[in-house]
Full PDB file with SEQRES, HELIX, SHEET, SSBOND, CRYST1, ORIGX, SCALE, CONECT and MASTER records, all heavy atoms in Angstrom:
SEQRES   1 A   40  LYS GLU THR PHE TRP ILE SER VAL LEU ALA ILE LEU ALA          
SEQRES   2 A   40  ALA ALA VAL ALA LEU PHE SER ILE PHE GLN TYR LYS ASN          
SEQRES   3 A   40  ARG LEU ARG GLN ILE GLN LEU GLY ALA LEU ASN SER LEU          
SEQRES   4 A   40  VAL                                                          
HELIX    1 AA1 PHE A    4  ILE A   21  1                                  18    
HELIX    2 AA2 ARG A   27  LEU A   39  1                                  13    
CRYST1    1.000    1.000    1.000  90.00  90.00  90.00 P 1           1          
ORIGX1      1.000000  0.000000  0.000000        0.00000                         
ORIGX2      0.000000  1.000000  0.000000        0.00000                         
ORIGX3      0.000000  0.000000  1.000000        0.00000                         
SCALE1      1.000000  0.000000  0.000000        0.00000                         
SCALE2      0.000000  1.000000  0.000000        0.00000                         
SCALE3      0.000000  0.000000  1.000000        0.00000                         
ATOM      1  N   LYS A   1     134.952  90.830  47.340  1.00  0.00           N  
ATOM      2  CA  LYS A   1     135.362  91.723  48.440  1.00  0.00           C  
ATOM      3  C   LYS A   1     136.090  90.877  49.427  1.00  0.00           C  
ATOM      4  O   LYS A   1     135.633  89.835  49.855  1.00  0.00           O  
ATOM      5  CB  LYS A   1     134.138  92.338  49.081  1.00  0.00           C  
ATOM      6  CG  LYS A   1     134.425  93.313  50.139  1.00  0.00           C  
ATOM      7  CD  LYS A   1     133.189  94.024  50.645  1.00  0.00           C  
ATOM      8  CE  LYS A   1     133.593  94.991  51.733  1.00  0.00           C  
ATOM      9  NZ  LYS A   1     133.173  96.369  51.394  1.00  0.00           N  
ATOM     10  N   GLU A   2     137.276  91.345  49.830  1.00  0.00           N  
ATOM     11  CA  GLU A   2     138.090  90.587  50.750  1.00  0.00           C  
ATOM     12  C   GLU A   2     137.458  90.650  52.170  1.00  0.00           C  
ATOM     13  O   GLU A   2     137.065  91.726  52.642  1.00  0.00           O  
ATOM     14  CB  GLU A   2     139.506  91.190  50.849  1.00  0.00           C  
ATOM     15  CG  GLU A   2     140.283  91.106  49.554  1.00  0.00           C  
ATOM     16  CD  GLU A   2     140.667  89.682  49.238  1.00  0.00           C  
ATOM     17  OE1 GLU A   2     140.975  88.906  50.165  1.00  0.00           O  
ATOM     18  OE2 GLU A   2     140.673  89.343  48.034  1.00  0.00           O  
ATOM     19  N   THR A   3     137.383  89.503  52.795  1.00  0.00           N  
ATOM     20  CA  THR A   3     136.836  89.383  54.159  1.00  0.00           C  
ATOM     21  C   THR A   3     137.829  88.687  55.060  1.00  0.00           C  
ATOM     22  O   THR A   3     137.469  87.841  55.858  1.00  0.00           O  
ATOM     23  CB  THR A   3     135.488  88.666  54.171  1.00  0.00           C  
ATOM     24  OG1 THR A   3     135.664  87.359  53.662  1.00  0.00           O  
ATOM     25  CG2 THR A   3     134.457  89.416  53.370  1.00  0.00           C  
ATOM     26  N   PHE A   4     139.104  88.965  54.889  1.00  0.00           N  
ATOM     27  CA  PHE A   4     140.152  88.230  55.561  1.00  0.00           C  
ATOM     28  C   PHE A   4     140.149  88.450  57.074  1.00  0.00           C  
ATOM     29  O   PHE A   4     140.729  87.669  57.814  1.00  0.00           O  
ATOM     30  CB  PHE A   4     141.563  88.559  55.020  1.00  0.00           C  
ATOM     31  CG  PHE A   4     142.010  89.964  55.244  1.00  0.00           C  
ATOM     32  CD1 PHE A   4     142.718  90.272  56.365  1.00  0.00           C  
ATOM     33  CD2 PHE A   4     141.672  90.961  54.333  1.00  0.00           C  
ATOM     34  CE1 PHE A   4     143.129  91.557  56.570  1.00  0.00           C  
ATOM     35  CE2 PHE A   4     142.095  92.251  54.532  1.00  0.00           C  
ATOM     36  CZ  PHE A   4     142.816  92.562  55.670  1.00  0.00           C  
ATOM     37  N   TRP A   5     139.409  89.486  57.565  1.00  0.00           N  
ATOM     38  CA  TRP A   5     139.381  89.701  58.999  1.00  0.00           C  
ATOM     39  C   TRP A   5     138.639  88.573  59.705  1.00  0.00           C  
ATOM     40  O   TRP A   5     138.957  88.245  60.855  1.00  0.00           O  
ATOM     41  CB  TRP A   5     138.701  91.042  59.306  1.00  0.00           C  
ATOM     42  CG  TRP A   5     139.604  92.220  58.970  1.00  0.00           C  
ATOM     43  CD1 TRP A   5     139.424  93.129  58.005  1.00  0.00           C  
ATOM     44  CD2 TRP A   5     140.826  92.572  59.593  1.00  0.00           C  
ATOM     45  NE1 TRP A   5     140.427  94.010  57.952  1.00  0.00           N  
ATOM     46  CE2 TRP A   5     141.328  93.687  58.959  1.00  0.00           C  
ATOM     47  CE3 TRP A   5     141.546  92.027  60.674  1.00  0.00           C  
ATOM     48  CZ2 TRP A   5     142.519  94.300  59.319  1.00  0.00           C  
ATOM     49  CZ3 TRP A   5     142.775  92.625  61.008  1.00  0.00           C  
ATOM     50  CH2 TRP A   5     143.231  93.739  60.391  1.00  0.00           C  
ATOM     51  N   ILE A   6     137.693  87.970  58.996  1.00  0.00           N  
ATOM     52  CA  ILE A   6     136.995  86.821  59.601  1.00  0.00           C  
ATOM     53  C   ILE A   6     138.002  85.667  59.815  1.00  0.00           C  
ATOM     54  O   ILE A   6     138.058  85.046  60.861  1.00  0.00           O  
ATOM     55  CB  ILE A   6     135.830  86.375  58.697  1.00  0.00           C  
ATOM     56  CG1 ILE A   6     134.775  87.464  58.617  1.00  0.00           C  
ATOM     57  CG2 ILE A   6     135.193  85.072  59.257  1.00  0.00           C  
ATOM     58  CD1 ILE A   6     133.717  87.158  57.593  1.00  0.00           C  
ATOM     59  N   SER A   7     138.821  85.433  58.808  1.00  0.00           N  
ATOM     60  CA  SER A   7     139.821  84.364  58.928  1.00  0.00           C  
ATOM     61  C   SER A   7     140.874  84.668  59.963  1.00  0.00           C  
ATOM     62  O   SER A   7     141.318  83.770  60.696  1.00  0.00           O  
ATOM     63  CB  SER A   7     140.449  84.016  57.572  1.00  0.00           C  
ATOM     64  OG  SER A   7     141.068  85.185  57.040  1.00  0.00           O  
ATOM     65  N   VAL A   8     141.280  85.921  60.065  1.00  0.00           N  
ATOM     66  CA  VAL A   8     142.295  86.304  61.062  1.00  0.00           C  
ATOM     67  C   VAL A   8     141.708  86.066  62.453  1.00  0.00           C  
ATOM     68  O   VAL A   8     142.421  85.496  63.302  1.00  0.00           O  
ATOM     69  CB  VAL A   8     142.676  87.806  60.837  1.00  0.00           C  
ATOM     70  CG1 VAL A   8     143.466  88.313  62.026  1.00  0.00           C  
ATOM     71  CG2 VAL A   8     143.509  87.968  59.566  1.00  0.00           C  
ATOM     72  N   LEU A   9     140.482  86.484  62.671  1.00  0.00           N  
ATOM     73  CA  LEU A   9     139.887  86.277  64.006  1.00  0.00           C  
ATOM     74  C   LEU A   9     139.691  84.779  64.311  1.00  0.00           C  
ATOM     75  O   LEU A   9     139.856  84.336  65.447  1.00  0.00           O  
ATOM     76  CB  LEU A   9     138.540  87.027  64.093  1.00  0.00           C  
ATOM     77  CG  LEU A   9     138.694  88.581  64.159  1.00  0.00           C  
ATOM     78  CD1 LEU A   9     137.290  89.209  64.113  1.00  0.00           C  
ATOM     79  CD2 LEU A   9     139.415  88.995  65.431  1.00  0.00           C  
ATOM     80  N   ALA A  10     139.345  84.011  63.298  1.00  0.00           N  
ATOM     81  CA  ALA A  10     139.153  82.574  63.486  1.00  0.00           C  
ATOM     82  C   ALA A  10     140.474  81.879  63.835  1.00  0.00           C  
ATOM     83  O   ALA A  10     140.511  81.038  64.726  1.00  0.00           O  
ATOM     84  CB  ALA A  10     138.539  81.929  62.243  1.00  0.00           C  
ATOM     85  N   ILE A  11     141.537  82.210  63.163  1.00  0.00           N  
ATOM     86  CA  ILE A  11     142.851  81.665  63.454  1.00  0.00           C  
ATOM     87  C   ILE A  11     143.308  82.089  64.847  1.00  0.00           C  
ATOM     88  O   ILE A  11     143.875  81.301  65.602  1.00  0.00           O  
ATOM     89  CB  ILE A  11     143.825  82.044  62.349  1.00  0.00           C  
ATOM     90  CG1 ILE A  11     143.508  81.324  61.030  1.00  0.00           C  
ATOM     91  CG2 ILE A  11     145.273  81.682  62.763  1.00  0.00           C  
ATOM     92  CD1 ILE A  11     144.237  81.819  59.822  1.00  0.00           C  
ATOM     93  N   LEU A  12     143.062  83.373  65.168  1.00  0.00           N  
ATOM     94  CA  LEU A  12     143.454  83.857  66.480  1.00  0.00           C  
ATOM     95  C   LEU A  12     142.669  83.123  67.587  1.00  0.00           C  
ATOM     96  O   LEU A  12     143.262  82.729  68.628  1.00  0.00           O  
ATOM     97  CB  LEU A  12     143.172  85.359  66.587  1.00  0.00           C  
ATOM     98  CG  LEU A  12     143.534  86.035  67.911  1.00  0.00           C  
ATOM     99  CD1 LEU A  12     145.025  85.947  68.162  1.00  0.00           C  
ATOM    100  CD2 LEU A  12     143.087  87.452  67.914  1.00  0.00           C  
ATOM    101  N   ALA A  13     141.381  82.880  67.375  1.00  0.00           N  
ATOM    102  CA  ALA A  13     140.569  82.182  68.394  1.00  0.00           C  
ATOM    103  C   ALA A  13     141.061  80.727  68.526  1.00  0.00           C  
ATOM    104  O   ALA A  13     141.118  80.195  69.649  1.00  0.00           O  
ATOM    105  CB  ALA A  13     139.118  82.189  67.953  1.00  0.00           C  
ATOM    106  N   ALA A  14     141.417  80.085  67.434  1.00  0.00           N  
ATOM    107  CA  ALA A  14     141.958  78.701  67.518  1.00  0.00           C  
ATOM    108  C   ALA A  14     143.278  78.707  68.239  1.00  0.00           C  
ATOM    109  O   ALA A  14     143.551  77.807  69.044  1.00  0.00           O  
ATOM    110  CB  ALA A  14     142.098  78.131  66.106  1.00  0.00           C  
ATOM    111  N   ALA A  15     144.131  79.671  67.970  1.00  0.00           N  
ATOM    112  CA  ALA A  15     145.449  79.735  68.609  1.00  0.00           C  
ATOM    113  C   ALA A  15     145.299  79.999  70.126  1.00  0.00           C  
ATOM    114  O   ALA A  15     145.967  79.351  70.951  1.00  0.00           O  
ATOM    115  CB  ALA A  15     146.303  80.794  68.004  1.00  0.00           C  
ATOM    116  N   VAL A  16     144.366  80.885  70.510  1.00  0.00           N  
ATOM    117  CA  VAL A  16     144.127  81.148  71.915  1.00  0.00           C  
ATOM    118  C   VAL A  16     143.586  79.884  72.637  1.00  0.00           C  
ATOM    119  O   VAL A  16     144.006  79.602  73.769  1.00  0.00           O  
ATOM    120  CB  VAL A  16     143.196  82.362  72.116  1.00  0.00           C  
ATOM    121  CG1 VAL A  16     142.720  82.459  73.545  1.00  0.00           C  
ATOM    122  CG2 VAL A  16     143.871  83.639  71.680  1.00  0.00           C  
ATOM    123  N   ALA A  17     142.727  79.172  71.969  1.00  0.00           N  
ATOM    124  CA  ALA A  17     142.185  77.936  72.596  1.00  0.00           C  
ATOM    125  C   ALA A  17     143.276  76.885  72.756  1.00  0.00           C  
ATOM    126  O   ALA A  17     143.330  76.249  73.826  1.00  0.00           O  
ATOM    127  CB  ALA A  17     141.012  77.392  71.736  1.00  0.00           C  
ATOM    128  N   LEU A  18     144.135  76.730  71.752  1.00  0.00           N  
ATOM    129  CA  LEU A  18     145.192  75.777  71.894  1.00  0.00           C  
ATOM    130  C   LEU A  18     146.194  76.204  72.971  1.00  0.00           C  
ATOM    131  O   LEU A  18     146.692  75.362  73.731  1.00  0.00           O  
ATOM    132  CB  LEU A  18     145.910  75.573  70.550  1.00  0.00           C  
ATOM    133  CG  LEU A  18     145.118  74.828  69.493  1.00  0.00           C  
ATOM    134  CD1 LEU A  18     145.829  74.811  68.187  1.00  0.00           C  
ATOM    135  CD2 LEU A  18     144.820  73.384  69.942  1.00  0.00           C  
ATOM    136  N   PHE A  19     146.508  77.447  73.022  1.00  0.00           N  
ATOM    137  CA  PHE A  19     147.433  77.951  74.034  1.00  0.00           C  
ATOM    138  C   PHE A  19     146.871  77.797  75.456  1.00  0.00           C  
ATOM    139  O   PHE A  19     147.545  77.427  76.384  1.00  0.00           O  
ATOM    140  CB  PHE A  19     147.760  79.432  73.757  1.00  0.00           C  
ATOM    141  CG  PHE A  19     148.704  80.024  74.782  1.00  0.00           C  
ATOM    142  CD1 PHE A  19     150.050  79.660  74.787  1.00  0.00           C  
ATOM    143  CD2 PHE A  19     148.232  80.945  75.723  1.00  0.00           C  
ATOM    144  CE1 PHE A  19     150.899  80.210  75.726  1.00  0.00           C  
ATOM    145  CE2 PHE A  19     149.129  81.511  76.639  1.00  0.00           C  
ATOM    146  CZ  PHE A  19     150.456  81.141  76.655  1.00  0.00           C  
ATOM    147  N   SER A  20     145.538  77.974  75.541  1.00  0.00           N  
ATOM    148  CA  SER A  20     144.859  77.824  76.827  1.00  0.00           C  
ATOM    149  C   SER A  20     144.885  76.385  77.359  1.00  0.00           C  
ATOM    150  O   SER A  20     144.949  76.163  78.563  1.00  0.00           O  
ATOM    151  CB  SER A  20     143.438  78.296  76.704  1.00  0.00           C  
ATOM    152  OG  SER A  20     142.755  78.199  77.930  1.00  0.00           O  
ATOM    153  N   ILE A  21     144.892  75.427  76.441  1.00  0.00           N  
ATOM    154  CA  ILE A  21     144.986  74.047  76.817  1.00  0.00           C  
ATOM    155  C   ILE A  21     146.248  73.761  77.650  1.00  0.00           C  
ATOM    156  O   ILE A  21     146.234  73.068  78.661  1.00  0.00           O  
ATOM    157  CB  ILE A  21     144.892  73.071  75.639  1.00  0.00           C  
ATOM    158  CG1 ILE A  21     143.506  73.112  75.028  1.00  0.00           C  
ATOM    159  CG2 ILE A  21     145.260  71.661  76.015  1.00  0.00           C  
ATOM    160  CD1 ILE A  21     143.395  72.340  73.708  1.00  0.00           C  
ATOM    161  N   PHE A  22     147.362  74.356  77.184  1.00  0.00           N  
ATOM    162  CA  PHE A  22     148.643  74.118  77.843  1.00  0.00           C  
ATOM    163  C   PHE A  22     148.926  75.000  79.016  1.00  0.00           C  
ATOM    164  O   PHE A  22     150.016  74.949  79.598  1.00  0.00           O  
ATOM    165  CB  PHE A  22     149.739  74.214  76.766  1.00  0.00           C  
ATOM    166  CG  PHE A  22     149.595  73.154  75.701  1.00  0.00           C  
ATOM    167  CD1 PHE A  22     149.126  73.526  74.462  1.00  0.00           C  
ATOM    168  CD2 PHE A  22     149.873  71.838  75.964  1.00  0.00           C  
ATOM    169  CE1 PHE A  22     148.979  72.554  73.474  1.00  0.00           C  
ATOM    170  CE2 PHE A  22     149.708  70.891  75.025  1.00  0.00           C  
ATOM    171  CZ  PHE A  22     149.235  71.239  73.747  1.00  0.00           C  
ATOM    172  N   GLN A  23     147.981  75.821  79.424  1.00  0.00           N  
ATOM    173  CA  GLN A  23     148.098  76.653  80.596  1.00  0.00           C  
ATOM    174  C   GLN A  23     147.352  76.011  81.775  1.00  0.00           C  
ATOM    175  O   GLN A  23     146.876  76.713  82.693  1.00  0.00           O  
ATOM    176  CB  GLN A  23     147.527  78.059  80.335  1.00  0.00           C  
ATOM    177  CG  GLN A  23     148.289  78.821  79.256  1.00  0.00           C  
ATOM    178  CD  GLN A  23     149.746  79.014  79.641  1.00  0.00           C  
ATOM    179  OE1 GLN A  23     150.048  79.481  80.700  1.00  0.00           O  
ATOM    180  NE2 GLN A  23     150.620  78.679  78.745  1.00  0.00           N  
ATOM    181  N   TYR A  24     147.284  74.696  81.824  1.00  0.00           N  
ATOM    182  CA  TYR A  24     146.499  73.998  82.842  1.00  0.00           C  
ATOM    183  C   TYR A  24     147.000  74.184  84.261  1.00  0.00           C  
ATOM    184  O   TYR A  24     146.284  73.985  85.201  1.00  0.00           O  
ATOM    185  CB  TYR A  24     146.414  72.518  82.477  1.00  0.00           C  
ATOM    186  CG  TYR A  24     147.703  71.774  82.403  1.00  0.00           C  
ATOM    187  CD1 TYR A  24     148.268  71.194  83.498  1.00  0.00           C  
ATOM    188  CD2 TYR A  24     148.371  71.726  81.169  1.00  0.00           C  
ATOM    189  CE1 TYR A  24     149.474  70.537  83.426  1.00  0.00           C  
ATOM    190  CE2 TYR A  24     149.571  71.068  81.069  1.00  0.00           C  
ATOM    191  CZ  TYR A  24     150.126  70.480  82.157  1.00  0.00           C  
ATOM    192  OH  TYR A  24     151.323  69.838  82.104  1.00  0.00           O  
ATOM    193  N   LYS A  25     148.254  74.575  84.404  1.00  0.00           N  
ATOM    194  CA  LYS A  25     148.753  74.776  85.782  1.00  0.00           C  
ATOM    195  C   LYS A  25     148.384  76.126  86.342  1.00  0.00           C  
ATOM    196  O   LYS A  25     148.399  76.309  87.541  1.00  0.00           O  
ATOM    197  CB  LYS A  25     150.304  74.681  85.789  1.00  0.00           C  
ATOM    198  CG  LYS A  25     150.780  73.288  85.529  1.00  0.00           C  
ATOM    199  CD  LYS A  25     152.284  73.222  85.601  1.00  0.00           C  
ATOM    200  CE  LYS A  25     152.730  71.807  85.305  1.00  0.00           C  
ATOM    201  NZ  LYS A  25     154.177  71.658  85.369  1.00  0.00           N  
ATOM    202  N   ASN A  26     147.951  77.061  85.499  1.00  0.00           N  
ATOM    203  CA  ASN A  26     147.532  78.374  85.922  1.00  0.00           C  
ATOM    204  C   ASN A  26     146.073  78.574  85.469  1.00  0.00           C  
ATOM    205  O   ASN A  26     145.795  79.065  84.409  1.00  0.00           O  
ATOM    206  CB  ASN A  26     148.434  79.426  85.264  1.00  0.00           C  
ATOM    207  CG  ASN A  26     148.238  80.807  85.890  1.00  0.00           C  
ATOM    208  OD1 ASN A  26     147.252  81.055  86.548  1.00  0.00           O  
ATOM    209  ND2 ASN A  26     149.162  81.685  85.591  1.00  0.00           N  
ATOM    210  N   ARG A  27     145.171  78.217  86.413  1.00  0.00           N  
ATOM    211  CA  ARG A  27     143.738  78.204  86.058  1.00  0.00           C  
ATOM    212  C   ARG A  27     143.217  79.637  85.863  1.00  0.00           C  
ATOM    213  O   ARG A  27     142.323  79.886  85.064  1.00  0.00           O  
ATOM    214  CB  ARG A  27     142.958  77.441  87.111  1.00  0.00           C  
ATOM    215  CG  ARG A  27     143.120  75.991  87.004  1.00  0.00           C  
ATOM    216  CD  ARG A  27     142.448  75.246  88.128  1.00  0.00           C  
ATOM    217  NE  ARG A  27     142.981  75.617  89.454  1.00  0.00           N  
ATOM    218  CZ  ARG A  27     144.131  75.176  89.969  1.00  0.00           C  
ATOM    219  NH1 ARG A  27     144.860  74.327  89.279  1.00  0.00           N  
ATOM    220  NH2 ARG A  27     144.493  75.570  91.144  1.00  0.00           N  
ATOM    221  N   LEU A  28     143.771  80.608  86.607  1.00  0.00           N  
ATOM    222  CA  LEU A  28     143.324  81.987  86.473  1.00  0.00           C  
ATOM    223  C   LEU A  28     143.654  82.499  85.051  1.00  0.00           C  
ATOM    224  O   LEU A  28     142.807  83.143  84.408  1.00  0.00           O  
ATOM    225  CB  LEU A  28     143.975  82.877  87.514  1.00  0.00           C  
ATOM    226  CG  LEU A  28     143.551  84.361  87.464  1.00  0.00           C  
ATOM    227  CD1 LEU A  28     142.066  84.507  87.699  1.00  0.00           C  
ATOM    228  CD2 LEU A  28     144.349  85.133  88.502  1.00  0.00           C  
ATOM    229  N   ARG A  29     144.810  82.139  84.536  1.00  0.00           N  
ATOM    230  CA  ARG A  29     145.197  82.547  83.184  1.00  0.00           C  
ATOM    231  C   ARG A  29     144.279  81.886  82.187  1.00  0.00           C  
ATOM    232  O   ARG A  29     143.908  82.444  81.170  1.00  0.00           O  
ATOM    233  CB  ARG A  29     146.631  82.232  82.912  1.00  0.00           C  
ATOM    234  CG  ARG A  29     147.025  82.699  81.508  1.00  0.00           C  
ATOM    235  CD  ARG A  29     148.481  82.514  81.192  1.00  0.00           C  
ATOM    236  NE  ARG A  29     149.255  83.433  82.001  1.00  0.00           N  
ATOM    237  CZ  ARG A  29     150.449  83.137  82.457  1.00  0.00           C  
ATOM    238  NH1 ARG A  29     151.009  81.947  82.213  1.00  0.00           N  
ATOM    239  NH2 ARG A  29     151.123  83.983  83.203  1.00  0.00           N  
ATOM    240  N   GLN A  30     143.960  80.600  82.451  1.00  0.00           N  
ATOM    241  CA  GLN A  30     143.046  79.895  81.540  1.00  0.00           C  
ATOM    242  C   GLN A  30     141.673  80.551  81.531  1.00  0.00           C  
ATOM    243  O   GLN A  30     141.107  80.696  80.424  1.00  0.00           O  
ATOM    244  CB  GLN A  30     142.852  78.414  82.010  1.00  0.00           C  
ATOM    245  CG  GLN A  30     143.712  77.449  81.285  1.00  0.00           C  
ATOM    246  CD  GLN A  30     143.316  76.033  81.620  1.00  0.00           C  
ATOM    247  OE1 GLN A  30     142.872  75.697  82.723  1.00  0.00           O  
ATOM    248  NE2 GLN A  30     143.501  75.160  80.659  1.00  0.00           N  
ATOM    249  N   ILE A  31     141.186  81.000  82.620  1.00  0.00           N  
ATOM    250  CA  ILE A  31     139.884  81.723  82.662  1.00  0.00           C  
ATOM    251  C   ILE A  31     139.984  83.043  81.886  1.00  0.00           C  
ATOM    252  O   ILE A  31     139.073  83.386  81.123  1.00  0.00           O  
ATOM    253  CB  ILE A  31     139.434  81.925  84.089  1.00  0.00           C  
ATOM    254  CG1 ILE A  31     139.089  80.599  84.752  1.00  0.00           C  
ATOM    255  CG2 ILE A  31     138.248  82.875  84.173  1.00  0.00           C  
ATOM    256  CD1 ILE A  31     138.844  80.666  86.224  1.00  0.00           C  
ATOM    257  N   GLN A  32     141.076  83.767  82.060  1.00  0.00           N  
ATOM    258  CA  GLN A  32     141.306  85.009  81.317  1.00  0.00           C  
ATOM    259  C   GLN A  32     141.393  84.775  79.822  1.00  0.00           C  
ATOM    260  O   GLN A  32     140.801  85.543  79.021  1.00  0.00           O  
ATOM    261  CB  GLN A  32     142.542  85.747  81.822  1.00  0.00           C  
ATOM    262  CG  GLN A  32     142.424  86.241  83.249  1.00  0.00           C  
ATOM    263  CD  GLN A  32     143.768  86.716  83.806  1.00  0.00           C  
ATOM    264  OE1 GLN A  32     144.783  86.391  83.259  1.00  0.00           O  
ATOM    265  NE2 GLN A  32     143.683  87.493  84.894  1.00  0.00           N  
ATOM    266  N   LEU A  33     142.095  83.726  79.452  1.00  0.00           N  
ATOM    267  CA  LEU A  33     142.201  83.422  77.993  1.00  0.00           C  
ATOM    268  C   LEU A  33     140.848  82.981  77.441  1.00  0.00           C  
ATOM    269  O   LEU A  33     140.543  83.278  76.307  1.00  0.00           O  
ATOM    270  CB  LEU A  33     143.232  82.309  77.790  1.00  0.00           C  
ATOM    271  CG  LEU A  33     144.694  82.733  77.956  1.00  0.00           C  
ATOM    272  CD1 LEU A  33     145.579  81.457  77.931  1.00  0.00           C  
ATOM    273  CD2 LEU A  33     145.093  83.695  76.883  1.00  0.00           C  
ATOM    274  N   GLY A  34     140.056  82.314  78.251  1.00  0.00           N  
ATOM    275  CA  GLY A  34     138.713  81.922  77.813  1.00  0.00           C  
ATOM    276  C   GLY A  34     137.828  83.142  77.581  1.00  0.00           C  
ATOM    277  O   GLY A  34     137.042  83.193  76.620  1.00  0.00           O  
ATOM    278  N   ALA A  35     137.935  84.116  78.477  1.00  0.00           N  
ATOM    279  CA  ALA A  35     137.185  85.373  78.290  1.00  0.00           C  
ATOM    280  C   ALA A  35     137.642  86.104  77.049  1.00  0.00           C  
ATOM    281  O   ALA A  35     136.819  86.621  76.273  1.00  0.00           O  
ATOM    282  CB  ALA A  35     137.303  86.237  79.535  1.00  0.00           C  
ATOM    283  N   LEU A  36     138.953  86.184  76.853  1.00  0.00           N  
ATOM    284  CA  LEU A  36     139.480  86.805  75.647  1.00  0.00           C  
ATOM    285  C   LEU A  36     139.019  86.059  74.390  1.00  0.00           C  
ATOM    286  O   LEU A  36     138.630  86.711  73.412  1.00  0.00           O  
ATOM    287  CB  LEU A  36     141.022  86.845  75.705  1.00  0.00           C  
ATOM    288  CG  LEU A  36     141.697  87.301  74.422  1.00  0.00           C  
ATOM    289  CD1 LEU A  36     141.501  88.780  74.233  1.00  0.00           C  
ATOM    290  CD2 LEU A  36     143.215  86.951  74.497  1.00  0.00           C  
ATOM    291  N   ASN A  37     139.028  84.749  74.456  1.00  0.00           N  
ATOM    292  CA  ASN A  37     138.593  83.970  73.305  1.00  0.00           C  
ATOM    293  C   ASN A  37     137.102  84.189  72.977  1.00  0.00           C  
ATOM    294  O   ASN A  37     136.707  84.197  71.842  1.00  0.00           O  
ATOM    295  CB  ASN A  37     138.897  82.495  73.537  1.00  0.00           C  
ATOM    296  CG  ASN A  37     139.145  81.780  72.257  1.00  0.00           C  
ATOM    297  OD1 ASN A  37     139.305  82.356  71.188  1.00  0.00           O  
ATOM    298  ND2 ASN A  37     139.270  80.451  72.329  1.00  0.00           N  
ATOM    299  N   SER A  38     136.294  84.377  74.015  1.00  0.00           N  
ATOM    300  CA  SER A  38     134.892  84.664  73.774  1.00  0.00           C  
ATOM    301  C   SER A  38     134.727  85.991  73.046  1.00  0.00           C  
ATOM    302  O   SER A  38     133.902  86.092  72.146  1.00  0.00           O  
ATOM    303  CB  SER A  38     134.114  84.728  75.129  1.00  0.00           C  
ATOM    304  OG  SER A  38     134.016  83.457  75.713  1.00  0.00           O  
ATOM    305  N   LEU A  39     135.519  86.959  73.374  1.00  0.00           N  
ATOM    306  CA  LEU A  39     135.477  88.257  72.666  1.00  0.00           C  
ATOM    307  C   LEU A  39     135.930  88.134  71.232  1.00  0.00           C  
ATOM    308  O   LEU A  39     135.321  88.703  70.372  1.00  0.00           O  
ATOM    309  CB  LEU A  39     136.344  89.283  73.428  1.00  0.00           C  
ATOM    310  CG  LEU A  39     135.842  89.740  74.764  1.00  0.00           C  
ATOM    311  CD1 LEU A  39     136.859  90.654  75.443  1.00  0.00           C  
ATOM    312  CD2 LEU A  39     134.506  90.474  74.618  1.00  0.00           C  
ATOM    313  N   VAL A  40     136.980  87.328  71.045  1.00  0.00           N  
ATOM    314  CA  VAL A  40     137.457  87.152  69.676  1.00  0.00           C  
ATOM    315  C   VAL A  40     136.440  86.433  68.782  1.00  0.00           C  
ATOM    316  O   VAL A  40     136.170  86.835  67.668  1.00  0.00           O  
ATOM    317  CB  VAL A  40     138.816  86.402  69.691  1.00  0.00           C  
ATOM    318  CG1 VAL A  40     139.245  86.016  68.260  1.00  0.00           C  
ATOM    319  CG2 VAL A  40     139.914  87.272  70.323  1.00  0.00           C  
TER     320      VAL A  40                                                      
MASTER        0    0    0    2    0    0    0    6  319    1    0    4          
END                                                                             
């Protein structure tokens, strides 16, 4: 049974975390991305 949604969410969470690292000048956006990443 295909369970590719797990891998899609895992890749999305990794991408959001990496993107959040480079948003260090905008801390509010980093906090929002962190909350989004927790949901993912």
